[in-house]
């Protein structure tokens, strides 16, 4: 592996880790104290996906019902 390949790999990993941190921060905000940022960081990708699906469903229900979300 060349230095350029390694640099590209590291940059990609940094981008992915930033995306995971951002996703976890958003989830902890939506959970409103039900799960902390640290709790969510320690979850598996599958668990985070399940929470993401739950958040999406709740937002869709809120939009359909016209009830306030925030």
Protein backbone atom coordinates (compact mmCIF):
# COMPACT_ATOMS: atom_id res chain seq x y z
CA UNK A 1 0.00 0.00 0.00
CA UNK A 2 1.45 3.35 -0.99
CA UNK A 3 1.52 6.44 1.18
CA UNK A 4 -1.19 7.95 -1.00
CA UNK A 5 -3.40 4.88 -0.49
CA UNK A 6 -2.89 5.05 3.25
CA UNK A 7 -3.67 8.76 3.32
CA UNK A 8 -6.87 8.19 1.32
CA UNK A 9 -7.86 5.34 3.63
CA UNK A 10 -7.29 7.44 6.76
CA UNK A 11 -9.28 10.35 5.31
CA UNK A 12 -12.17 8.01 4.50
CA UNK A 13 -12.10 6.55 8.01
CA UNK A 14 -12.10 10.06 9.53
CA UNK A 15 -15.10 10.97 7.37
CA UNK A 16 -16.98 7.84 8.42
CA UNK A 17 -16.22 8.35 12.12
CA UNK A 18 -17.44 11.96 11.88
CA UNK A 19 -20.68 10.74 10.28
CA UNK A 20 -21.19 8.19 13.08
CA UNK A 21 -20.59 10.85 15.76
CA UNK A 22 -23.03 13.22 14.05
CA UNK A 23 -25.66 10.47 13.79
CA UNK A 24 -25.21 9.62 17.48
CA UNK A 25 -25.51 13.25 18.54
CA UNK A 26 -28.74 13.63 16.60
CA UNK A 27 -30.13 10.42 18.07
CA UNK A 28 -29.34 11.50 21.61
CA UNK A 29 -31.14 14.80 20.94
CA UNK A 30 -34.22 13.01 19.58
CA UNK A 31 -34.21 10.57 22.50
CA UNK A 32 -34.73 13.49 24.91
CA UNK A 33 -32.82 11.90 27.75
CA UNK A 34 -33.88 8.34 26.99
CA UNK A 35 -30.35 7.57 25.84
CA UNK A 36 -27.22 9.65 26.22
CA UNK A 37 -24.67 10.31 23.50
CA UNK A 38 -22.31 7.90 25.25
CA UNK A 39 -25.04 5.22 25.43
CA UNK A 40 -25.67 5.50 21.71
CA UNK A 41 -21.97 5.47 20.83
CA UNK A 42 -21.67 2.11 22.58
CA UNK A 43 -24.58 0.60 20.63
CA UNK A 44 -24.07 -1.62 17.62
CA UNK A 45 -24.77 -0.36 14.13
CA UNK A 46 -27.92 -2.51 14.12
CA UNK A 47 -29.18 -0.92 17.33
CA UNK A 48 -28.48 2.58 15.99
CA UNK A 49 -30.35 1.70 12.79
CA UNK A 50 -33.35 0.52 14.82
CA UNK A 51 -33.38 3.78 16.79
CA UNK A 52 -33.07 5.74 13.55
CA UNK A 53 -36.09 3.88 12.15
CA UNK A 54 -38.06 4.63 15.33
CA UNK A 55 -37.21 8.33 15.10
CA UNK A 56 -38.25 8.40 11.44
CA UNK A 57 -41.57 6.70 12.24
CA UNK A 58 -42.25 9.15 15.08
CA UNK A 59 -41.50 12.14 12.85
CA UNK A 60 -43.83 10.79 10.15
CA UNK A 61 -46.60 10.24 12.73
CA UNK A 62 -46.09 13.76 14.05
CA UNK A 63 -46.31 15.21 10.55
CA UNK A 64 -49.48 13.24 9.77
CA UNK A 65 -51.18 14.09 13.06
CA UNK A 66 -50.15 17.77 12.91
CA UNK A 67 -49.29 17.62 16.61
CA UNK A 68 -46.29 19.65 17.79
CA UNK A 69 -43.05 17.71 17.93
CA UNK A 70 -40.76 20.06 19.83
